[in-house]
């Protein structure tokens, strides 16, 4: 990790995870099917965020389940 924060924005349709050490994240289900983020169901159109808390987060898994996730996070 460099001295400047890096913001990553992407849309995904496959399972994955927010990487260890992220400082802030926002995940929105822009598809039509429910998805799982950190083991919690996120209905179509719903979003959740992980705010800055002063230290990095552990990795957060997500399962797209045939839907599309719009993800923004800062490392």
PDB file of N, CA and C in Angstrom:
ATOM      1  N   UNK A   1       0.841  -1.173   0.000  1.00  0.00           N
ATOM      2  CA  UNK A   1       0.000   0.000   0.000  1.00  0.00           C
ATOM      3  C   UNK A   1       0.890   1.241   0.000  1.00  0.00           C
ATOM      4  N   UNK A   2       0.619   2.168  -0.908  1.00  0.00           N
ATOM      5  CA  UNK A   2       1.385   3.396  -0.986  1.00  0.00           C
ATOM      6  C   UNK A   2       0.938   4.403   0.064  1.00  0.00           C
ATOM      7  N   UNK A   3       1.466   5.625  -0.016  1.00  0.00           N
ATOM      8  CA  UNK A   3       1.114   6.633   0.977  1.00  0.00           C
ATOM      9  C   UNK A   3      -0.209   7.319   0.660  1.00  0.00           C
ATOM     10  N   UNK A   4      -0.683   7.183  -0.595  1.00  0.00           N
ATOM     11  CA  UNK A   4      -1.966   7.756  -0.975  1.00  0.00           C
ATOM     12  C   UNK A   4      -3.021   6.665  -1.089  1.00  0.00           C
ATOM     13  N   UNK A   5      -4.246   6.999  -0.677  1.00  0.00           N
ATOM     14  CA  UNK A   5      -5.345   6.043  -0.788  1.00  0.00           C
ATOM     15  C   UNK A   5      -5.691   5.821  -2.253  1.00  0.00           C
ATOM     16  N   UNK A   6      -6.146   4.629  -2.570  1.00  0.00           N
ATOM     17  CA  UNK A   6      -6.545   4.291  -3.928  1.00  0.00           C
ATOM     18  C   UNK A   6      -8.008   3.882  -3.917  1.00  0.00           C
ATOM     19  N   UNK A   7      -8.830   4.512  -4.757  1.00  0.00           N
ATOM     20  CA  UNK A   7     -10.244   4.176  -4.859  1.00  0.00           C
ATOM     21  C   UNK A   7     -10.461   3.273  -6.059  1.00  0.00           C
ATOM     22  N   UNK A   8     -11.186   2.182  -5.851  1.00  0.00           N
ATOM     23  CA  UNK A   8     -11.486   1.224  -6.902  1.00  0.00           C
ATOM     24  C   UNK A   8     -12.995   1.176  -7.066  1.00  0.00           C
ATOM     25  N   UNK A   9     -13.470   1.253  -8.311  1.00  0.00           N
ATOM     26  CA  UNK A   9     -14.886   1.142  -8.631  1.00  0.00           C
ATOM     27  C   UNK A   9     -15.049   0.067  -9.694  1.00  0.00           C
ATOM     28  N   UNK A  10     -16.035  -0.822  -9.485  1.00  0.00           N
ATOM     29  CA  UNK A  10     -16.243  -1.880 -10.473  1.00  0.00           C
ATOM     30  C   UNK A  10     -17.642  -2.457 -10.346  1.00  0.00           C
ATOM     31  N   UNK A  11     -18.080  -3.133 -11.403  1.00  0.00           N
ATOM     32  CA  UNK A  11     -19.306  -3.911 -11.377  1.00  0.00           C
ATOM     33  C   UNK A  11     -18.903  -5.361 -11.556  1.00  0.00           C
ATOM     34  N   UNK A  12     -19.496  -6.228 -10.746  1.00  0.00           N
ATOM     35  CA  UNK A  12     -19.136  -7.646 -10.799  1.00  0.00           C
ATOM     36  C   UNK A  12     -20.388  -8.506 -10.890  1.00  0.00           C
ATOM     37  N   UNK A  13     -20.236  -9.665 -11.510  1.00  0.00           N
ATOM     38  CA  UNK A  13     -21.322 -10.634 -11.607  1.00  0.00           C
ATOM     39  C   UNK A  13     -20.896 -11.992 -11.047  1.00  0.00           C
ATOM     40  N   UNK A  14     -19.679 -12.059 -10.550  1.00  0.00           N
ATOM     41  CA  UNK A  14     -19.136 -13.301  -9.992  1.00  0.00           C
ATOM     42  C   UNK A  14     -18.842 -13.109  -8.507  1.00  0.00           C
ATOM     43  N   UNK A  15     -18.721 -14.212  -7.793  1.00  0.00           N
ATOM     44  CA  UNK A  15     -18.392 -14.168  -6.373  1.00  0.00           C
ATOM     45  C   UNK A  15     -16.983 -13.623  -6.171  1.00  0.00           C
ATOM     46  N   UNK A  16     -16.753 -13.022  -5.007  1.00  0.00           N
ATOM     47  CA  UNK A  16     -15.435 -12.489  -4.695  1.00  0.00           C
ATOM     48  C   UNK A  16     -15.415 -11.936  -3.288  1.00  0.00           C
ATOM     49  N   UNK A  17     -14.499 -11.005  -3.042  1.00  0.00           N
ATOM     50  CA  UNK A  17     -14.418 -10.393  -1.720  1.00  0.00           C
ATOM     51  C   UNK A  17     -13.792  -9.012  -1.810  1.00  0.00           C
ATOM     52  N   UNK A  18     -14.200  -8.167  -0.874  1.00  0.00           N
ATOM     53  CA  UNK A  18     -13.517  -6.895  -0.679  1.00  0.00           C
ATOM     54  C   UNK A  18     -12.197  -7.242  -0.009  1.00  0.00           C
ATOM     55  N   UNK A  19     -11.090  -6.670  -0.445  1.00  0.00           N
ATOM     56  CA  UNK A  19      -9.783  -7.111   0.053  1.00  0.00           C
ATOM     57  C   UNK A  19      -9.491  -6.678   1.490  1.00  0.00           C
ATOM     58  N   UNK A  20      -8.701  -7.465   2.154  1.00  0.00           N
ATOM     59  CA  UNK A  20      -8.228  -7.120   3.496  1.00  0.00           C
ATOM     60  C   UNK A  20      -7.548  -5.761   3.462  1.00  0.00           C
ATOM     61  N   UNK A  21      -7.853  -4.922   4.445  1.00  0.00           N
ATOM     62  CA  UNK A  21      -7.205  -3.626   4.562  1.00  0.00           C
ATOM     63  C   UNK A  21      -7.968  -2.464   3.965  1.00  0.00           C
ATOM     64  N   UNK A  22      -9.152  -2.722   3.341  1.00  0.00           N
ATOM     65  CA  UNK A  22      -9.870  -1.593   2.764  1.00  0.00           C
ATOM     66  C   UNK A  22     -10.314  -0.645   3.882  1.00  0.00           C
ATOM     67  N   UNK A  23     -10.397   0.645   3.562  1.00  0.00           N
ATOM     68  CA  UNK A  23     -10.709   1.679   4.559  1.00  0.00           C
ATOM     69  C   UNK A  23     -12.167   2.108   4.539  1.00  0.00           C
ATOM     70  N   UNK A  24     -12.818   1.996   3.397  1.00  0.00           N
ATOM     71  CA  UNK A  24     -14.216   2.351   3.213  1.00  0.00           C
ATOM     72  C   UNK A  24     -14.738   1.520   2.058  1.00  0.00           C
ATOM     73  N   UNK A  25     -16.013   1.119   2.102  1.00  0.00           N
ATOM     74  CA  UNK A  25     -16.597   0.396   0.968  1.00  0.00           C
ATOM     75  C   UNK A  25     -18.090   0.660   0.892  1.00  0.00           C
ATOM     76  N   UNK A  26     -18.586   0.588  -0.328  1.00  0.00           N
ATOM     77  CA  UNK A  26     -20.010   0.687  -0.611  1.00  0.00           C
ATOM     78  C   UNK A  26     -20.340  -0.393  -1.623  1.00  0.00           C
ATOM     79  N   UNK A  27     -21.418  -1.137  -1.370  1.00  0.00           N
ATOM     80  CA  UNK A  27     -21.835  -2.220  -2.253  1.00  0.00           C
ATOM     81  C   UNK A  27     -23.317  -2.037  -2.544  1.00  0.00           C
ATOM     82  N   UNK A  28     -23.692  -2.008  -3.832  1.00  0.00           N
ATOM     83  CA  UNK A  28     -25.099  -1.895  -4.211  1.00  0.00           C
ATOM     84  C   UNK A  28     -25.456  -3.014  -5.160  1.00  0.00           C
ATOM     85  N   UNK A  29     -26.600  -3.630  -4.918  1.00  0.00           N
ATOM     86  CA  UNK A  29     -27.114  -4.665  -5.801  1.00  0.00           C
ATOM     87  C   UNK A  29     -27.901  -3.965  -6.908  1.00  0.00           C
ATOM     88  N   UNK A  30     -27.311  -3.844  -8.088  1.00  0.00           N
ATOM     89  CA  UNK A  30     -27.966  -3.179  -9.210  1.00  0.00           C
ATOM     90  C   UNK A  30     -28.631  -4.178 -10.152  1.00  0.00           C
ATOM     91  N   UNK A  31     -28.617  -5.436  -9.770  1.00  0.00           N
ATOM     92  CA  UNK A  31     -29.267  -6.479 -10.562  1.00  0.00           C
ATOM     93  C   UNK A  31     -30.681  -6.741 -10.077  1.00  0.00           C
ATOM     94  N   UNK A  32     -31.222  -7.876 -10.486  1.00  0.00           N
ATOM     95  CA  UNK A  32     -32.611  -8.199 -10.163  1.00  0.00           C
ATOM     96  C   UNK A  32     -32.771  -9.351  -9.178  1.00  0.00           C
ATOM     97  N   UNK A  33     -31.673  -9.986  -8.788  1.00  0.00           N
ATOM     98  CA  UNK A  33     -31.720 -11.122  -7.866  1.00  0.00           C
ATOM     99  C   UNK A  33     -31.074 -10.745  -6.526  1.00  0.00           C
ATOM    100  N   UNK A  34     -31.483 -11.381  -5.434  1.00  0.00           N
ATOM    101  CA  UNK A  34     -30.814 -11.140  -4.148  1.00  0.00           C
ATOM    102  C   UNK A  34     -29.364 -11.621  -4.194  1.00  0.00           C
ATOM    103  N   UNK A  35     -28.512 -10.981  -3.403  1.00  0.00           N
ATOM    104  CA  UNK A  35     -27.103 -11.358  -3.286  1.00  0.00           C
ATOM    105  C   UNK A  35     -26.765 -11.501  -1.809  1.00  0.00           C
ATOM    106  N   UNK A  36     -25.610 -12.079  -1.531  1.00  0.00           N
ATOM    107  CA  UNK A  36     -25.115 -12.173  -0.155  1.00  0.00           C
ATOM    108  C   UNK A  36     -23.850 -11.340  -0.028  1.00  0.00           C
ATOM    109  N   UNK A  37     -23.821 -10.466   0.982  1.00  0.00           N
ATOM    110  CA  UNK A  37     -22.632  -9.687   1.284  1.00  0.00           C
ATOM    111  C   UNK A  37     -22.329  -9.900   2.759  1.00  0.00           C
ATOM    112  N   UNK A  38     -21.182 -10.497   3.036  1.00  0.00           N
ATOM    113  CA  UNK A  38     -20.786 -10.813   4.406  1.00  0.00           C
ATOM    114  C   UNK A  38     -21.832 -11.693   5.089  1.00  0.00           C
ATOM    115  N   UNK A  39     -22.452 -12.590   4.305  1.00  0.00           N
ATOM    116  CA  UNK A  39     -23.432 -13.522   4.841  1.00  0.00           C
ATOM    117  C   UNK A  39     -24.825 -12.953   5.037  1.00  0.00           C
ATOM    118  N   UNK A  40     -25.058 -11.691   4.636  1.00  0.00           N
ATOM    119  CA  UNK A  40     -26.355 -11.039   4.806  1.00  0.00           C
ATOM    120  C   UNK A  40     -26.968 -10.810   3.424  1.00  0.00           C
ATOM    121  N   UNK A  41     -28.256 -11.104   3.272  1.00  0.00           N
ATOM    122  CA  UNK A  41     -28.938 -10.915   1.996  1.00  0.00           C
ATOM    123  C   UNK A  41     -29.130  -9.441   1.692  1.00  0.00           C
ATOM    124  N   UNK A  42     -28.839  -9.087   0.452  1.00  0.00           N
ATOM    125  CA  UNK A  42     -29.035  -7.733  -0.046  1.00  0.00           C
ATOM    126  C   UNK A  42     -29.990  -7.851  -1.239  1.00  0.00           C
ATOM    127  N   UNK A  43     -31.221  -7.354  -1.072  1.00  0.00           N
ATOM    128  CA  UNK A  43     -32.229  -7.452  -2.125  1.00  0.00           C
ATOM    129  C   UNK A  43     -31.864  -6.552  -3.303  1.00  0.00           C
ATOM    130  N   UNK A  44     -32.502  -6.792  -4.440  1.00  0.00           N
ATOM    131  CA  UNK A  44     -32.292  -5.951  -5.621  1.00  0.00           C
ATOM    132  C   UNK A  44     -32.574  -4.495  -5.266  1.00  0.00           C
ATOM    133  N   UNK A  45     -31.650  -3.617  -5.635  1.00  0.00           N
ATOM    134  CA  UNK A  45     -31.804  -2.190  -5.365  1.00  0.00           C
ATOM    135  C   UNK A  45     -31.259  -1.732  -4.026  1.00  0.00           C
ATOM    136  N   UNK A  46     -30.953  -2.643  -3.131  1.00  0.00           N
ATOM    137  CA  UNK A  46     -30.431  -2.270  -1.813  1.00  0.00           C
ATOM    138  C   UNK A  46     -28.922  -2.064  -1.854  1.00  0.00           C
ATOM    139  N   UNK A  47     -28.456  -1.242  -0.907  1.00  0.00           N
ATOM    140  CA  UNK A  47     -27.024  -0.958  -0.786  1.00  0.00           C
ATOM    141  C   UNK A  47     -26.630  -1.023   0.674  1.00  0.00           C
ATOM    142  N   UNK A  48     -25.353  -1.216   0.895  1.00  0.00           N
ATOM    143  CA  UNK A  48     -24.801  -1.140   2.258  1.00  0.00           C
ATOM    144  C   UNK A  48     -23.404  -0.566   2.167  1.00  0.00           C
ATOM    145  N   UNK A  49     -22.961   0.004   3.269  1.00  0.00           N
ATOM    146  CA  UNK A  49     -21.616   0.571   3.266  1.00  0.00           C
ATOM    147  C   UNK A  49     -20.877   0.173   4.530  1.00  0.00           C
ATOM    148  N   UNK A  50     -19.574   0.234   4.428  1.00  0.00           N
ATOM    149  CA  UNK A  50     -18.667  -0.001   5.541  1.00  0.00           C
ATOM    150  C   UNK A  50     -17.885   1.289   5.711  1.00  0.00           C
ATOM    151  N   UNK A  51     -18.245   2.119   6.689  1.00  0.00           N
ATOM    152  CA  UNK A  51     -17.634   3.442   6.830  1.00  0.00           C
ATOM    153  C   UNK A  51     -16.209   3.372   7.360  1.00  0.00           C
ATOM    154  N   UNK A  52     -15.484   4.466   7.202  1.00  0.00           N
ATOM    155  CA  UNK A  52     -14.136   4.568   7.753  1.00  0.00           C
ATOM    156  C   UNK A  52     -14.215   4.491   9.274  1.00  0.00           C
ATOM    157  N   UNK A  53     -13.447   3.607   9.877  1.00  0.00           N
ATOM    158  CA  UNK A  53     -13.466   3.425  11.333  1.00  0.00           C
ATOM    159  C   UNK A  53     -12.086   3.616  11.963  1.00  0.00           C
ATOM    160  N   UNK A  54     -11.138   4.148  11.208  1.00  0.00           N
ATOM    161  CA  UNK A  54      -9.820   4.428  11.759  1.00  0.00           C
ATOM    162  C   UNK A  54      -8.785   3.346  11.538  1.00  0.00           C
ATOM    163  N   UNK A  55      -9.202   2.203  11.014  1.00  0.00           N
ATOM    164  CA  UNK A  55      -8.259   1.138  10.666  1.00  0.00           C
ATOM    165  C   UNK A  55      -8.888   0.298   9.568  1.00  0.00           C
ATOM    166  N   UNK A  56      -8.082  -0.514   8.910  1.00  0.00           N
ATOM    167  CA  UNK A  56      -8.576  -1.326   7.803  1.00  0.00           C
ATOM    168  C   UNK A  56      -9.486  -2.458   8.249  1.00  0.00           C
ATOM    169  N   UNK A  57     -10.365  -2.876   7.354  1.00  0.00           N
ATOM    170  CA  UNK A  57     -11.280  -3.994   7.592  1.00  0.00           C
ATOM    171  C   UNK A  57     -10.636  -5.314   7.198  1.00  0.00           C
ATOM    172  N   UNK A  58     -11.174  -6.391   7.759  1.00  0.00           N
ATOM    173  CA  UNK A  58     -10.848  -7.723   7.270  1.00  0.00           C
ATOM    174  C   UNK A  58     -11.570  -7.910   5.943  1.00  0.00           C
ATOM    175  N   UNK A  59     -11.185  -8.918   5.174  1.00  0.00           N
ATOM    176  CA  UNK A  59     -11.844  -9.196   3.895  1.00  0.00           C
ATOM    177  C   UNK A  59     -13.328  -9.472   4.122  1.00  0.00           C
ATOM    178  N   UNK A  60     -14.173  -8.977   3.205  1.00  0.00           N
ATOM    179  CA  UNK A  60     -15.624  -9.175   3.270  1.00  0.00           C
ATOM    180  C   UNK A  60     -16.038  -9.933   2.005  1.00  0.00           C
ATOM    181  N   UNK A  61     -16.570 -11.157   2.145  1.00  0.00           N
ATOM    182  CA  UNK A  61     -16.965 -11.934   0.961  1.00  0.00           C
ATOM    183  C   UNK A  61     -18.322 -11.492   0.423  1.00  0.00           C
ATOM    184  N   UNK A  62     -18.509 -11.687  -0.883  1.00  0.00           N
ATOM    185  CA  UNK A  62     -19.819 -11.466  -1.489  1.00  0.00           C
ATOM    186  C   UNK A  62     -20.100 -12.574  -2.494  1.00  0.00           C
ATOM    187  N   UNK A  63     -21.388 -12.886  -2.645  1.00  0.00           N
ATOM    188  CA  UNK A  63     -21.839 -13.890  -3.603  1.00  0.00           C
ATOM    189  C   UNK A  63     -22.878 -13.238  -4.497  1.00  0.00           C
ATOM    190  N   UNK A  64     -22.566 -13.094  -5.770  1.00  0.00           N
ATOM    191  CA  UNK A  64     -23.423 -12.359  -6.699  1.00  0.00           C
ATOM    192  C   UNK A  64     -24.729 -13.087  -7.015  1.00  0.00           C
ATOM    193  N   UNK A  65     -24.756 -14.384  -6.944  1.00  0.00           N
ATOM    194  CA  UNK A  65     -26.002 -15.131  -7.122  1.00  0.00           C
ATOM    195  C   UNK A  65     -26.773 -14.807  -8.388  1.00  0.00           C
ATOM    196  N   UNK A  66     -26.094 -14.572  -9.503  1.00  0.00           N
ATOM    197  CA  UNK A  66     -26.769 -14.278 -10.757  1.00  0.00           C
ATOM    198  C   UNK A  66     -27.173 -12.819 -10.916  1.00  0.00           C
ATOM    199  N   UNK A  67     -26.763 -11.971 -10.019  1.00  0.00           N
ATOM    200  CA  UNK A  67     -27.085 -10.553 -10.067  1.00  0.00           C
ATOM    201  C   UNK A  67     -25.819  -9.744 -10.363  1.00  0.00           C
ATOM    202  N   UNK A  68     -25.918  -8.423 -10.291  1.00  0.00           N
ATOM    203  CA  UNK A  68     -24.780  -7.536 -10.529  1.00  0.00           C
ATOM    204  C   UNK A  68     -24.579  -6.649  -9.316  1.00  0.00           C
ATOM    205  N   UNK A  69     -23.343  -6.562  -8.859  1.00  0.00           N
ATOM    206  CA  UNK A  69     -22.992  -5.686  -7.731  1.00  0.00           C
ATOM    207  C   UNK A  69     -22.149  -4.528  -8.229  1.00  0.00           C
ATOM    208  N   UNK A  70     -22.489  -3.324  -7.790  1.00  0.00           N
ATOM    209  CA  UNK A  70     -21.658  -2.152  -8.053  1.00  0.00           C
ATOM    210  C   UNK A  70     -20.874  -1.907  -6.768  1.00  0.00           C
ATOM    211  N   UNK A  71     -19.560  -1.955  -6.848  1.00  0.00           N
ATOM    212  CA  UNK A  71     -18.696  -1.896  -5.672  1.00  0.00           C
ATOM    213  C   UNK A  71     -17.743  -0.717  -5.782  1.00  0.00           C
ATOM    214  N   UNK A  72     -17.594  -0.009  -4.698  1.00  0.00           N
ATOM    215  CA  UNK A  72     -16.602   1.071  -4.576  1.00  0.00           C
ATOM    216  C   UNK A  72     -15.889   0.835  -3.259  1.00  0.00           C
ATOM    217  N   UNK A  73     -14.575   0.838  -3.273  1.00  0.00           N
ATOM    218  CA  UNK A  73     -13.841   0.730  -2.011  1.00  0.00           C
ATOM    219  C   UNK A  73     -12.531   1.501  -2.097  1.00  0.00           C
ATOM    220  N   UNK A  74     -12.030   1.860  -0.926  1.00  0.00           N
ATOM    221  CA  UNK A  74     -10.781   2.599  -0.818  1.00  0.00           C
ATOM    222  C   UNK A  74      -9.772   1.778  -0.052  1.00  0.00           C
ATOM    223  N   UNK A  75      -8.577   1.659  -0.633  1.00  0.00           N
ATOM    224  CA  UNK A  75      -7.454   0.978   0.021  1.00  0.00           C
ATOM    225  C   UNK A  75      -6.496   2.020   0.540  1.00  0.00           C
TER     226      UNK A  75
END
